[in-house]
Amino acid sequence: MLKQGLMRIGSSEYTLYELQSKGFHRLDIVRKGAELQFDVSAVLFSFYKKKRRRQIGDALLYQKYSDTVTFIQKLQFPVQEEAKWVNGAFVQTEQKGAPGQRFVSESQNGFWYCDIYELNDVFIIMRFIDDSDTVLIPANDRCYRYSVPRKN
């Protein structure tokens, strides 16, 4: 599955790409508007995991992303659900949180379409692009290093 998104931290904006398939996971955080795989100089952080995890770039940027998503997913707020027809599609929305701390997930016709995470000055939106089972190794793979798992 290929997802594309936007992450805003304060006034800084980044484009996100995430690929997931059986036995493979990749996340790229790049300069806003950069294209996946074609503009390797725009990569600010990237990791991919096939058998072992390899990464390149600013790990603190990824940590901000990861901490926000993890914190919001664990929020213990009631979930509000809404279902409606929009332009011929059946749209279901689940939402939980409070001002400055919220999670929204949207699906269309029974398939996941979009997630929104918001925590203080961090805003992340990820959208479904393609459901193919793609494994795309970074073009600059030689620059990636094996990462050491962080300890909590």
Protein backbone atom coordinates (compact mmCIF):
# COMPACT_ATOMS: atom_id res chain seq x y z
CA MET A 1 0.00 0.00 0.00
CA LEU A 2 1.26 3.47 -0.85
CA LYS A 3 0.24 6.43 1.29
CA GLN A 4 1.15 10.08 0.81
CA GLY A 5 0.78 12.84 3.34
CA LEU A 6 1.79 16.11 4.84
CA MET A 7 3.39 16.82 8.20
CA ARG A 8 3.47 20.30 9.66
CA ILE A 9 5.58 21.08 12.72
CA GLY A 10 5.02 24.69 13.67
CA SER A 11 5.49 26.58 10.39
CA SER A 12 7.64 23.87 8.72
CA GLU A 13 5.93 21.52 6.26
CA TYR A 14 7.12 18.16 4.94
CA THR A 15 5.77 15.63 2.45
CA LEU A 16 5.43 12.03 3.67
CA TYR A 17 5.45 8.79 1.70
CA GLU A 18 4.81 5.39 3.25
CA LEU A 19 4.94 2.02 1.53
CA GLN A 20 3.78 -1.15 3.25
CA SER A 21 3.60 -4.65 1.88
CA LYS A 22 4.21 -8.12 3.25
CA GLY A 23 7.72 -8.13 4.74
CA PHE A 24 8.47 -4.53 3.72
CA HIS A 25 7.92 -1.10 5.27
CA ARG A 26 9.30 2.25 4.14
CA LEU A 27 8.69 5.81 5.33
CA ASP A 28 10.18 8.91 3.68
CA ILE A 29 10.00 12.43 5.12
CA VAL A 30 11.02 14.84 2.36
CA ARG A 31 10.94 18.55 1.60
CA LYS A 32 7.41 19.72 0.84
CA GLY A 33 6.41 18.85 -2.70
CA ALA A 34 9.32 16.50 -3.46
CA GLU A 35 8.53 13.30 -5.34
CA LEU A 36 9.09 9.80 -4.02
CA GLN A 37 12.19 8.09 -5.38
CA PHE A 38 13.12 10.84 -7.90
CA ASP A 39 14.53 13.64 -5.73
CA VAL A 40 16.93 11.93 -3.32
CA SER A 41 18.47 15.30 -2.33
CA ALA A 42 15.10 16.27 -0.82
CA VAL A 43 15.07 13.35 1.65
CA LEU A 44 15.26 14.63 5.23
CA PHE A 45 14.66 11.24 6.86
CA SER A 46 13.91 7.82 5.47
CA PHE A 47 13.86 4.26 6.67
CA TYR A 48 12.99 0.99 5.12
CA LYS A 49 12.78 -2.45 6.61
CA LYS A 50 13.01 -5.61 4.59
CA LYS A 51 14.90 -8.02 6.83
CA ARG A 52 16.76 -5.39 8.81
CA ARG A 53 15.98 -1.73 9.25
CA ARG A 54 18.11 0.81 7.37
CA GLN A 55 17.78 4.57 7.64
CA ILE A 56 19.20 7.91 6.56
CA GLY A 57 18.70 11.49 7.73
CA ASP A 58 17.47 13.33 10.80
CA ALA A 59 16.17 10.74 13.27
CA LEU A 60 14.72 13.50 15.49
CA LEU A 61 12.31 14.43 12.68
CA TYR A 62 11.11 10.83 12.54
CA GLN A 63 10.86 10.70 16.33
CA LYS A 64 8.52 13.73 16.27
CA TYR A 65 6.36 11.93 13.68
CA SER A 66 6.41 8.61 15.55
CA ASP A 67 5.77 10.11 18.99
CA THR A 68 2.80 12.12 17.68
CA VAL A 69 1.16 9.15 15.94
CA THR A 70 1.75 6.83 18.92
CA PHE A 71 0.45 9.34 21.49
CA ILE A 72 -2.69 10.16 19.49
CA GLN A 73 -3.48 6.48 18.82
CA LYS A 74 -3.41 5.82 22.57
CA LEU A 75 -5.79 8.68 23.48
CA GLN A 76 -8.58 7.53 25.76
CA PHE A 77 -11.41 9.70 24.46
CA PRO A 78 -14.83 8.56 23.29
CA VAL A 79 -15.00 7.87 19.55
CA GLN A 80 -17.56 9.83 17.55
CA GLU A 81 -18.73 8.08 14.40
CA GLU A 82 -20.46 9.60 11.39
CA ALA A 83 -21.63 8.03 8.13
CA LYS A 84 -22.88 9.90 5.07
CA TRP A 85 -23.06 9.85 1.28
CA VAL A 86 -20.63 12.24 -0.44
CA ASN A 87 -20.54 12.50 -4.25
CA GLY A 88 -21.83 8.93 -4.63
CA ALA A 89 -19.42 7.43 -2.06
CA PHE A 90 -20.35 6.10 1.38
CA VAL A 91 -18.01 7.92 3.78
CA GLN A 92 -17.48 6.81 7.38
CA THR A 93 -15.58 9.08 9.77
CA GLU A 94 -14.28 8.19 13.24
CA GLN A 95 -13.03 11.00 15.43
CA LYS A 96 -11.68 11.24 18.96
CA GLY A 97 -9.83 13.82 21.01
CA ALA A 98 -10.01 17.41 22.13
CA PRO A 99 -8.66 20.72 20.79
CA GLY A 100 -4.94 20.27 20.08
CA GLN A 101 -5.12 16.48 20.51
CA ARG A 102 -7.25 14.67 17.95
CA PHE A 103 -7.40 11.71 15.61
CA VAL A 104 -9.67 11.41 12.58
CA SER A 105 -9.92 8.34 10.36
CA GLU A 106 -11.98 8.26 7.19
CA SER A 107 -12.98 5.39 4.93
CA GLN A 108 -14.87 5.40 1.64
CA ASN A 109 -17.06 2.50 0.56
CA GLY A 110 -15.55 0.35 3.32
CA PHE A 111 -11.87 1.00 2.48
CA TRP A 112 -9.48 3.14 4.55
CA TYR A 113 -8.84 6.47 2.88
CA CYS A 114 -7.31 9.02 5.26
CA ASP A 115 -5.93 9.51 8.81
CA ILE A 116 -5.35 12.84 10.54
CA TYR A 117 -3.23 13.25 13.67
CA GLU A 118 -3.00 16.53 15.56
CA LEU A 119 -0.96 17.13 18.69
CA ASN A 120 -0.18 20.71 19.77
CA ASP A 121 2.02 22.14 16.97
CA VAL A 122 2.24 18.89 14.95
CA PHE A 123 -0.32 18.09 12.25
CA ILE A 124 -0.09 14.91 10.12
CA ILE A 125 -2.41 13.77 7.36
CA MET A 126 -1.91 10.50 5.45
CA ARG A 127 -4.00 9.52 2.41
CA PHE A 128 -4.40 6.30 0.48
CA ILE A 129 -2.79 6.42 -2.98
CA ASP A 130 -2.43 2.85 -4.23
CA ASP A 131 -3.16 -0.64 -2.92
CA SER A 132 -0.49 -2.51 -4.88
CA ASP A 133 1.99 -4.73 -3.06
CA THR A 134 5.01 -2.63 -4.03
CA VAL A 135 8.56 -3.02 -2.70
CA LEU A 136 10.52 0.07 -3.70
CA ILE A 137 14.10 0.18 -2.39
CA PRO A 138 15.41 3.79 -2.21
CA ALA A 139 17.45 4.96 -5.21
CA ASN A 140 20.22 6.08 -2.84
CA ASP A 141 20.22 2.80 -0.87
CA ARG A 142 24.04 2.84 -0.62
CA CYS A 143 23.79 5.90 1.68
CA TYR A 144 21.49 4.18 4.20
CA ARG A 145 22.90 2.73 7.42
CA TYR A 146 21.59 -0.05 9.63
CA SER A 147 19.76 1.49 12.56
CA VAL A 148 19.97 0.56 16.18
CA PRO A 149 16.55 0.07 17.81
CA ARG A 150 15.83 2.84 20.29
CA LYS A 151 15.27 1.87 23.89
CA ASN A 152 12.18 3.17 25.68
